[in-house]
Protein backbone atom coordinates (compact mmCIF):
# COMPACT_ATOMS: atom_id res chain seq x y z
CA MET A 1 95.38 79.04 34.38
CA SER A 2 95.38 80.52 37.91
CA LEU A 3 92.23 81.18 39.90
CA GLN A 4 91.48 84.89 40.54
CA LEU A 5 89.36 86.95 42.68
CA HIS A 6 87.57 89.80 40.74
CA ALA A 7 86.39 92.45 43.17
CA MET A 8 82.97 93.96 42.87
CA ALA A 9 82.85 97.66 41.76
CA ARG A 10 81.62 100.25 44.37
CA GLN A 11 80.61 102.31 41.34
CA PRO A 12 81.49 102.54 37.66
CA GLY A 13 85.26 103.16 36.97
CA MET A 14 86.23 102.53 40.73
CA ALA A 15 88.02 99.28 41.56
CA ARG A 16 87.04 97.62 44.93
CA THR A 17 90.24 96.44 46.56
CA LYS A 18 88.63 95.39 49.95
CA VAL A 19 84.99 94.14 50.89
CA ASP A 20 83.23 96.25 53.58
CA GLU A 21 82.72 94.53 56.98
CA GLU A 22 79.20 93.57 58.33
CA LEU A 23 77.53 92.79 55.02
CA ALA A 24 74.33 90.78 55.05
CA VAL A 25 74.47 87.00 54.96
CA GLY A 26 74.29 85.95 51.35
CA THR A 27 75.76 89.13 49.99
CA ILE A 28 78.05 88.59 46.93
CA LEU A 29 81.52 89.50 48.12
CA THR A 30 83.46 88.96 45.04
CA ALA A 31 83.49 87.12 41.65
CA LEU A 32 85.87 83.99 41.05
CA SER A 33 87.32 83.21 37.60
CA GLY A 34 90.17 81.42 35.99
CA GLY A 35 91.07 77.78 36.92
CA GLY A 36 91.14 76.89 33.34
CA VAL A 37 88.04 77.56 31.20
CA LEU A 38 87.87 76.12 27.57
CA SER A 39 85.45 76.43 24.87
CA GLY A 40 82.43 74.11 25.42
CA GLN A 41 83.31 73.40 28.98
CA GLU A 42 82.62 74.95 32.33
CA VAL A 43 84.42 75.45 35.55
CA ARG A 44 82.83 74.54 38.84
CA TYR A 45 83.93 76.13 42.13
CA SER A 46 83.78 74.86 45.80
CA LEU A 47 85.27 75.33 49.21
CA VAL A 48 87.51 72.61 50.32
CA SER A 49 89.68 71.54 53.46
CA GLY A 50 93.44 72.01 53.29
CA THR A 51 96.21 74.53 53.71
CA GLY A 52 94.69 78.12 54.29
CA ASP A 53 91.21 77.02 55.00
CA ALA A 54 90.82 78.61 58.35
CA ASP A 55 87.87 80.80 57.54
CA ASN A 56 85.91 78.65 55.08
CA ALA A 57 82.87 78.71 57.25
CA ASP A 58 82.61 82.42 56.72
CA PHE A 59 81.91 81.86 52.88
CA SER A 60 79.66 80.14 50.59
CA ILE A 61 79.86 79.83 46.76
CA VAL A 62 77.00 80.47 44.64
CA GLY A 63 77.97 79.82 40.84
CA ALA A 64 81.06 81.76 40.33
CA ASN A 65 80.42 84.11 43.18
CA LEU A 66 81.98 84.16 46.67
CA CYS A 67 79.26 85.08 49.18
CA ALA A 68 79.13 85.97 52.96
CA ALA A 69 77.88 83.02 55.05
CA ARG A 70 77.89 85.14 58.15
CA ARG A 71 78.39 88.93 58.99
CA LEU A 72 82.05 89.38 58.85
CA ASN A 73 83.57 91.81 61.43
CA PHE A 74 86.65 93.77 60.67
CA GLU A 75 87.51 94.32 64.52
CA ALA A 76 87.37 90.62 65.07
CA LYS A 77 89.57 89.72 62.02
CA SER A 78 90.48 92.08 59.22
CA VAL A 79 91.80 89.29 56.78
CA ARG A 80 89.89 86.09 56.01
CA GLN A 81 91.59 82.95 54.50
CA PHE A 82 89.68 80.22 52.50
CA ARG A 83 90.65 77.44 50.16
CA ILE A 84 88.86 76.90 46.74
CA ARG A 85 88.79 74.07 44.43
CA TRP A 86 87.92 74.37 40.73
CA ASP A 87 86.99 71.55 38.37
CA TRP A 88 86.75 71.57 34.68
CA VAL A 89 83.45 69.97 33.96
CA ASP A 90 82.32 68.48 30.61
CA SER A 91 79.35 70.47 29.58
CA GLN A 92 77.68 67.29 28.04
CA ASN A 93 78.18 65.24 31.14
CA SER A 94 78.56 67.22 34.45
CA ALA A 95 79.91 63.85 36.11
CA ASN A 96 83.02 63.96 33.77
CA ILE A 97 85.67 66.19 35.41
CA LEU A 98 88.42 66.96 32.87
CA SER A 99 90.78 68.48 35.33
CA SER A 100 90.82 70.21 38.61
CA GLY A 101 92.99 72.28 41.09
CA GLU A 102 92.97 73.95 44.48
CA ARG A 103 94.29 77.20 45.75
CA ALA A 104 94.45 78.95 49.06
CA MET A 105 93.14 82.61 48.90
CA THR A 106 92.67 85.60 51.21
CA LEU A 107 89.84 88.38 51.41
CA ALA A 108 90.57 91.71 53.16
CA LEU A 109 87.85 93.53 54.93
CA ALA A 110 87.52 97.29 55.03
CA ASN A 111 86.58 98.81 58.34
CA VAL A 112 83.15 100.71 58.29
CA THR A 113 83.54 103.58 60.79
CA THR A 114 79.93 104.82 60.71
CA ASP A 115 78.87 101.70 62.70
CA ASP A 116 78.52 101.53 66.46
CA GLU A 117 80.61 98.43 67.43
CA ASP A 118 79.76 98.28 71.27
CA LEU A 119 76.37 99.71 71.07
CA ASP A 120 77.05 102.70 73.37
CA GLY A 121 75.33 105.20 71.20
CA VAL A 122 78.56 106.60 69.73
CA PRO A 123 79.66 105.81 66.10
CA GLU A 124 83.19 104.39 65.87
CA ALA A 125 84.43 107.21 63.85
CA GLU A 126 83.67 109.59 66.80
CA GLU A 127 85.17 107.30 69.34
CA LEU A 128 88.37 107.27 67.22
CA ILE A 129 88.48 111.04 67.39
CA ALA A 130 87.73 111.09 71.12
CA GLY A 131 90.40 108.27 71.83
CA THR A 132 87.83 106.04 73.37
CA ASN A 133 87.68 102.08 72.57
CA PRO A 134 84.99 101.61 69.96
CA GLY A 135 84.86 98.03 71.14
CA ASP A 136 84.22 98.62 74.89
CA ALA A 137 80.65 100.23 75.92
CA ARG A 138 82.29 101.23 79.04
CA SER A 139 84.83 103.47 77.22
CA VAL A 140 83.12 106.79 76.55
CA PHE A 141 83.87 110.35 76.80
CA ARG A 142 82.17 112.02 79.84
CA VAL A 143 82.23 115.29 81.54
CA SER A 144 82.94 114.48 85.22
CA SER A 145 81.88 117.65 86.97
CA LEU A 146 80.68 121.18 86.43
CA CYS A 147 81.09 123.63 89.22
CA ILE A 148 80.03 127.45 89.29
CA GLU A 149 82.90 129.27 91.28
CA ALA A 150 82.25 132.30 93.52
CA SER A 151 83.95 134.41 90.93
CA GLY A 152 81.29 133.62 88.37
CA ALA A 153 83.39 131.28 86.34
CA ALA A 154 82.41 127.87 85.33
CA THR A 155 84.83 125.02 85.67
CA VAL A 156 84.23 121.89 83.74
CA ARG A 157 86.28 118.72 84.31
CA CYS A 158 86.65 115.82 82.09
CA ASN A 159 88.86 112.83 81.35
CA VAL A 160 91.27 113.41 78.48
CA VAL A 161 93.40 111.46 76.09
CA ALA A 162 96.83 112.36 74.92
CA GLY A 163 96.86 114.01 71.51
CA ARG A 164 93.39 115.66 71.61
CA THR A 165 92.36 119.22 72.11
CA TYR A 166 89.21 120.02 74.20
CA THR A 167 87.24 123.07 73.93
CA ILE A 168 84.13 124.44 75.83
CA GLN A 169 81.12 125.51 73.95
CA SER A 170 78.30 127.24 75.53
CA SER A 171 74.56 128.01 74.60
CA THR A 172 71.70 129.63 76.25
CA ASP A 173 69.01 127.74 74.33
CA LEU A 174 70.57 124.32 73.30
CA LYS A 175 70.24 125.33 69.66
CA ASN A 176 72.96 128.03 69.05
CA TRP A 177 76.42 127.23 70.31
CA ILE A 178 79.52 129.40 70.64
CA VAL A 179 83.13 128.50 71.34
CA GLU A 180 84.40 130.09 74.58
CA THR A 181 87.55 132.20 73.77
CA ASP A 182 89.16 132.28 77.34
CA ASP A 183 92.79 131.03 77.37
CA THR A 184 91.49 128.46 79.73
CA ALA A 185 88.52 127.24 77.56
CA THR A 186 90.82 125.21 75.27
CA VAL A 187 93.43 122.76 76.49
CA ALA A 188 95.59 120.40 74.37
CA ALA A 189 96.21 117.25 76.40
CA SER A 190 99.81 116.13 76.47
CA ALA A 191 98.88 113.14 78.63
CA ASP A 192 96.09 110.94 79.65
CA GLY A 193 94.22 112.26 82.80
CA THR A 194 91.85 114.88 83.80
CA ILE A 195 91.78 118.58 82.95
CA SER A 196 89.61 121.59 83.83
CA LEU A 197 88.28 123.86 81.16
CA ILE A 198 87.20 127.23 82.47
CA ASP A 199 84.68 129.72 81.21
CA SER A 200 85.44 132.98 83.02
CA ASP A 201 81.90 134.38 82.60
CA ALA A 202 79.12 132.07 83.59
CA THR A 203 76.77 134.90 84.92
CA ALA A 204 74.04 134.39 82.37
CA CYS A 205 70.80 133.33 84.00
CA ARG A 206 70.84 130.09 82.09
CA LYS A 207 73.97 128.69 80.30
CA PHE A 208 74.57 125.17 79.17
CA TYR A 209 78.00 123.69 78.39
CA ARG A 210 79.33 120.98 76.05
CA ILE A 211 82.84 119.82 75.24
CA ALA A 212 84.23 119.45 71.70
CA VAL A 213 87.06 117.05 71.04
CA MET A 214 89.45 117.10 68.08
CA GLN A 215 92.63 115.34 67.32
CA THR A 216 95.65 117.72 67.70
CA PRO A 217 97.45 118.25 64.53
């Protein structure tokens, strides 16, 4: 009988095809089965050296469960390889191995985008929308300048990434925000670089600005 990985369920009725990254050490990642179970005998699993054992150190085995021996990061390596040995053991004499076999196996990690990989204060999902690098704390979306023109217009400059649309939003109290509707208040970036977004009426006694970024359809 072949050895199999039986993925744990996220919730009843839903099969789990991948294991989330960054689970705590000791977490059960998946269940092992197969290797030739016969009535009155048990099967014992272990990690062994050989072809396909590159990531053995990432795992431990407790009973018939494959567990995390360290926190597994998707960005570092999305697919892990390990080698399993199974032994049929006589239930009356555990030293008596009736039969055994080995197999190289793989486990895929699922990317969790709610985390902050580079600890820059911005979740990975938001960085992917902004086009910044979620693995580099220096790569963040920033407004580079804000200038009130003699005409009363406000010009906001920011670095942009192709394939994103940038829109000025304004507020007088930092609670309620409106989207500026000037033709120059929204720009779809066709190339990486710097753009200017303009609110033609910045004559209010106090006005705050922020930039909303979305991926262009």
